[in-house]
Amino acid sequence: MNPWHDGLMGRDKGRDFFAVARQVVEQAIGEQMDGSPLEKPGQKTPRARAGSMGGKKGGMARAAKLSSQMRSEIARKAARSRWAKDSKK
């Protein structure tokens, strides 16, 4: 089975020739065609930033609320799950 011939690799991502050409030109000149700056790949959208802030707070807040017995149960369950995955291989 060759992935290149089975259609798994090299799929068209819905961009046509002109869209790719526009992207190449924008990357070359360092701004979009309308004059606005290019988005940097590392920049997150405002919603993504808000979600990651909540996620960072959530784990610590949950751990602070849990009793040591509950934390121990959760850890035991996670360890069992990890070991079960290893034995299936």
Protein backbone atom coordinates (compact mmCIF):
# COMPACT_ATOMS: atom_id res chain seq x y z
CA MET A 1 0.00 0.00 0.00
CA ASN A 2 1.54 3.25 -1.13
CA PRO A 3 0.05 6.28 0.67
CA TRP A 4 0.87 8.59 -2.22
CA HIS A 5 -1.25 6.56 -4.61
CA ASP A 6 -4.07 5.75 -2.19
CA GLY A 7 -4.91 9.42 -1.72
CA LEU A 8 -3.70 9.63 1.88
CA MET A 9 -0.74 11.88 1.22
CA GLY A 10 -0.58 15.05 -0.81
CA ARG A 11 -4.24 15.88 -0.58
CA ASP A 12 -5.42 19.25 -1.78
CA LYS A 13 -6.34 21.28 1.27
CA GLY A 14 -9.05 23.20 -0.52
CA ARG A 15 -6.69 25.87 -1.84
CA ASP A 16 -6.46 26.50 -5.51
CA PHE A 17 -3.49 27.80 -7.47
CA PHE A 18 -4.42 31.46 -7.00
CA ALA A 19 -4.83 31.13 -3.22
CA VAL A 20 -1.39 29.52 -2.96
CA ALA A 21 0.13 32.20 -5.22
CA ARG A 22 -1.41 34.94 -3.08
CA GLN A 23 0.01 33.35 0.07
CA VAL A 24 3.47 33.15 -1.50
CA VAL A 25 3.36 36.84 -2.50
CA GLU A 26 2.13 37.88 0.96
CA GLN A 27 4.94 35.93 2.64
CA ALA A 28 7.48 37.49 0.26
CA ILE A 29 6.39 41.09 0.90
CA GLY A 30 5.71 40.55 4.60
CA GLU A 31 2.15 41.88 4.63
CA GLN A 32 -1.26 41.00 3.27
CA MET A 33 -2.35 42.27 -0.10
CA ASP A 34 -4.59 44.90 1.52
CA GLY A 35 -1.60 46.33 3.42
CA SER A 36 -2.40 44.87 6.86
CA PRO A 37 0.39 42.99 8.67
CA LEU A 38 0.60 39.21 8.47
CA GLU A 39 -0.52 37.20 11.49
CA LYS A 40 2.38 35.56 13.22
CA PRO A 41 1.93 31.78 13.55
CA GLY A 42 2.59 31.85 17.30
CA GLN A 43 -0.13 34.41 18.03
CA LYS A 44 -3.33 33.07 19.52
CA THR A 45 -6.78 34.41 18.94
CA PRO A 46 -8.43 36.18 21.89
CA ARG A 47 -10.67 33.16 22.50
CA ALA A 48 -7.71 30.78 22.52
CA ARG A 49 -5.85 33.00 24.99
CA ALA A 50 -8.89 33.14 27.30
CA GLY A 51 -9.32 29.37 27.15
CA SER A 52 -5.71 28.66 27.98
CA MET A 53 -5.81 31.07 30.92
CA GLY A 54 -8.81 29.25 32.34
CA GLY A 55 -7.16 25.88 31.82
CA LYS A 56 -4.06 26.94 33.70
CA LYS A 57 -6.12 28.07 36.67
CA GLY A 58 -8.54 25.14 36.60
CA GLY A 59 -6.14 22.32 37.42
CA MET A 60 -4.64 24.08 40.42
CA ALA A 61 -8.05 25.09 41.75
CA ARG A 62 -9.35 21.54 41.42
CA ALA A 63 -6.29 20.08 43.14
CA ALA A 64 -6.68 22.53 46.03
CA LYS A 65 -10.31 21.49 46.55
CA LEU A 66 -9.65 17.74 46.49
CA SER A 67 -8.86 15.84 49.64
CA SER A 68 -5.63 13.87 49.75
CA GLN A 69 -7.66 10.65 49.63
CA MET A 70 -9.43 11.72 46.41
CA ARG A 71 -6.14 12.84 44.81
CA SER A 72 -4.67 9.45 45.70
CA GLU A 73 -7.65 7.62 44.14
CA ILE A 74 -7.37 9.67 40.94
CA ALA A 75 -3.63 8.99 40.71
CA ARG A 76 -4.17 5.27 41.34
CA LYS A 77 -6.80 5.11 38.59
CA ALA A 78 -4.50 6.95 36.16
CA ALA A 79 -1.62 4.59 36.93
CA ARG A 80 -3.85 1.55 36.38
CA SER A 81 -4.95 2.99 33.06
CA ARG A 82 -1.35 3.62 31.95
CA TRP A 83 -0.26 0.12 32.90
CA ALA A 84 -3.27 -1.38 31.12
CA LYS A 85 -2.28 0.41 27.90
CA ASP A 86 1.29 -0.95 28.13
CA SER A 87 0.14 -4.55 28.56
CA LYS A 88 -2.07 -4.38 25.42
CA LYS A 89 0.90 -3.70 23.13
